[in-house]
Amino acid sequence: MSTATSKSTLVLVFEGIEEVEALMPVDILRRAGVHVVVASLDDSDSVTGRNGIIITPDTHFSRVSPHHFDLIYLPGGPGVLPLAKHLTLRALLRQQHEDGKLIAALCAAPSVLAAEGLLDDISATAHISVRADLPNPSQDRVVVDHKIITSQGLGTALEFSLELVKQLIDDTAALEVAKSIHN
């Protein structure tokens, strides 16, 4: 669809992930020409999502240099909540934030960002089950604030994915992808 860009995204996957929340952004970003790397957080060769769909990542988390990515994306699902205690992930998110690079989280994943203090002074949204746990919760479907992009869940995944393209590239690229997938 679109020509390749110099932009890159790291998508982190884990057991119990919400499959569509992981794969829709990968698909939309790749349609926009973004280089996307899917990495398993636990360094496994596959992860099983909440609905039994097996996802084969491109690589293992321990094999990537995460500081090379313009965007780090953490999908949601029931397996995301324990990641708030994943010290390596939290350090990665903190460094991405300090470097002024984009971070995205969907569904319950913004709670991981909140646990690291990354949402303390900004507005964010999340799935209704964890939204009240955010310091400054928003009712909006997708929120962009200080290079952090959050969204509510599976029902907002397409809108969220197009916003990722907009933030990484521009409005025109997001519009091109949107036109290519809508009749």
Foldseek 3Di string as FASTA:
>chain_A
DAAADPAEEEEEDEAAFPVCLRPVLVVLCVVLRYHYFYAYAVFDQWYAHNVRDIDGGPGHPVPDDLVSHLEYEYEDGPVQVVCLVVVVVLVSVVVCLVVQGAYEYAAQNVVSVVSSVNQQPHEEEHAPVCQVVGNHYDPDQWDADSRYIYGYHDVCSLVSSLVVSCVRPRPVSSVVSVVVVDD
